[in-house]
Amino acid sequence: MPLRDAYELGLSACGVHMPPGSSSLVLYDRTLVEDDGPGARPFSVGWPTCWETVGGGTRARKILYVDRPKARKAKIVLSGTPARGEDRPLVVAVNGRKVTYSWPHRKLEPGGWHAIEFPARWLRKGRNTLVFSCDGPGGWWLSIASKADIVANAPDRKRTAGTRSERSTDGGRTWSTGLGPDGLLRGEYMVRLNLEQYREQGELIGPVIDLAAEACGNQGLAPQVAVQSLHVTAKARTPRGTAVELAVRTGASPLYNAAHWGAWRTCKGRAVQPSAGGHRFAQWRVVLRTRDAAATPSVTGVALEARVAVPKAGWWTGISAIDAHNETIRFTSTGFQYEECDHPRLRALRRKYKLDKVVAGARDDLEAIRRLRDWVAHEFCWAPPGQPYPTWDAHDILGRKDNMCVQSAIALMQCALAVGLQARFTFGIFPRPTVGGKGTGGHEVTEVWSNQFGKWVYMDATSTRNECFVYRTTGVPLSMLQMHDETVRLYAARNPVSLVANATRAEKTTARLKVWKGRSAGPAAGPALVRFRWGLVHWMPRNNFYAEPRPVPIAQGRIGWSWTGYLVWWDDRTPRQPRFGNYTSRRSDIEWTINQVRWAATLGKEPGTVQLRLGTVTPDFDTFLVSVDGEEWIASGDTVQWQLQPGRNRIAMRVETRAGILGRKSWIEVHYRPTTRRSRRRGRRGDS
């Protein structure tokens, strides 16, 4: 398997990545140092944001602690803007050494984030001091995250929040932790460090390998084999100060399950024995390490060699496969946190708004999802919310009329969860976008898991949109990442998305897609309009906002997105924004799968006996269901004994959640012709 495929289909990739267009696995190469993120607010006049005016005798001082100061590049990343009409540069002293910064895009609207590069050698291990000043009459505005907001989202920062940002009104002779125009605000300046340096350690855990199927040449259906030894090797470069370590583990189930798998065994240039007899499956792990922040090992290939004893031909020579479907399960490395389907707030939401009635009679799950979206879209009209700002709670949101797209997306997410459908919150934007010279903004939507299509599907529940998109040729709905792909194809085919400003003369349509609005019977016939929004795409890494109300972004929407907890996508068309640190270019981290069954069938010693091992990744998992030869579905454990009858035999498998949602079907169908001893002897070919 090519390493890129193993990277995507493996169990996890933590602290490592394969950059877009690269064939090498390396350590992840960015570190974000910050202490304002939990309380970060969008910067805009008229929005509930506080800032410091740095100019004249007023200076700002920020303390940031760095564990590993060595880096290939270093940037100061700050939220702020020069005051209107100010043309003097911002001066930043990094541990006493000065760098000046003049914003090169003065014709753009004020606000936003700025990245100021400086020599990384100026950094120290531990405490680093950044002092901001400006000699101009207007000065620079520097955003402030309040201590109250920081502590609300990150209680562990209670002792340090508000202690690392200071203000001086006498040119730096005396300092105070009282910030803002009146010196009464406690908080942290929204100033961060983005360091281009490699992580100290990371690992890739590859996909599960079916050793029996590999040895017998039969995918998923094989006799019991004896694994004698395993050896993992890697094609790698290890510069001085770096290392690559390899390990392997074996198990008896087609997905990793601690109950059926052994421990990792390190491969140090020699073969290792399987951790237990009867283990049919193997999985490798490659660990990358470095002692030098500017150097990384690189891996371009991993090979697993296994010695496997295959039994002589037996009764199974009379089996021939007719049909089979075995789901390929994709795993996310993000540790996504799911809301429990029976949380009291979800049950109350379901009863209060009669959501069962909303989805009743839907022909399939896509129609049920579209009905929920349409219902949310008609509950309120778009209007920027006042104070108090709505919480991440559909009860709060649906009880008021002043909501934006962010609230529509949250409401749809939690209404879907209330009826047992998994959903998540996502949003996208082009930095400083203009369409025909007029400024526009970003947008928040929902993705809902569709068992029907085995994927996450994009749903826009705002009252002015109320839509999803499908591929013209197949009718399959798009995910957010697929919407991003189509958007950058239309708007950024020649040049990557700019992190400063982006413009288009007019929004574009595509004949590849159809738009499906409201509760219409089908998608519109004409080309679909793809709005100028999905250049940079972000996801919330959880949906359990009832079980854990915090952390959440402060006042997200309309103006900007500054919270550091998002999972952000990057590729060769969409570079990384220096104010964020949680990036992935691994599609499985975004488009992982749930509610599916992966099976493996082992042929028993007795004629006609087959043992199936089942695996799944299913939030709110309740049970496996099995149907033999079209009979009723019955509950089952993860091990199924299947007795074949002469002729056609079929077994189907699926999962059921505690909410009563049925997952996608997997199945295998075979023809069994019992054989005599004489025919089996003729079919023997010996050990291999």
Foldseek 3Di string as FASTA:
>chain_A
DFVLVQQFQFAEWWQWAAAFPHLKIKGDFKDKWDQQQQQDDFDDVVPPWFWFFAEDQKKKKFKTADADLDFPWKKKKFKWWQDVPDQWWKWKQKQRRIDTDGDPPNVADTIDMDIGIDDSVSDDHTIIMIMIHTHTPRGMIWTWGALVSSCVFPVVCNVPFLPGMWMGRGNPPDIDSQGGPVSNTGGHTRIMMMGGFGDQKIKTKGAKDQQQCVVVVHPQEGAQKWWFKKAKDFDKDAPPQKDKWKWKWFFQFNHDDPVTIDDIDTHDPDIDGYPDTRTRIMIMMMMIGGPGRHDIMITNDMDMDIDMKGDWFDQCVQKDFDDWFFDSFTHANLPAAEAALVDPLLLCVCVVVVLCVQQPPPPFVVLSLLSLLLVLQPLEAEAADDPPDFALGLVRLSVDHHHHQQNSQSNSQSNCSSLPWHKFKKKWFFAQEDAQNHTDTIGIWMWIQGLVQQWTATARSHNVFSKWKAFPPPRHTDHLVVLLVVLCVVQVVPHARDNHYGYDHHFDWDPRMFMDHHNDPDTDDDTDTRDNHHRKMWTQSYSRCVVPVHDDHDSDDDRDDQNARIEIEDHPRHDDDSSYDRYHPRVSNPIGGFFGKGKHWHDDPDNQKIKIAIDGHHRQWDFKWKDKPNDDTDGDHRIDIGGDDAAKIKMKMTTAGPSRDIHHITMIMMHGDGDDPVVSVVRTDDID
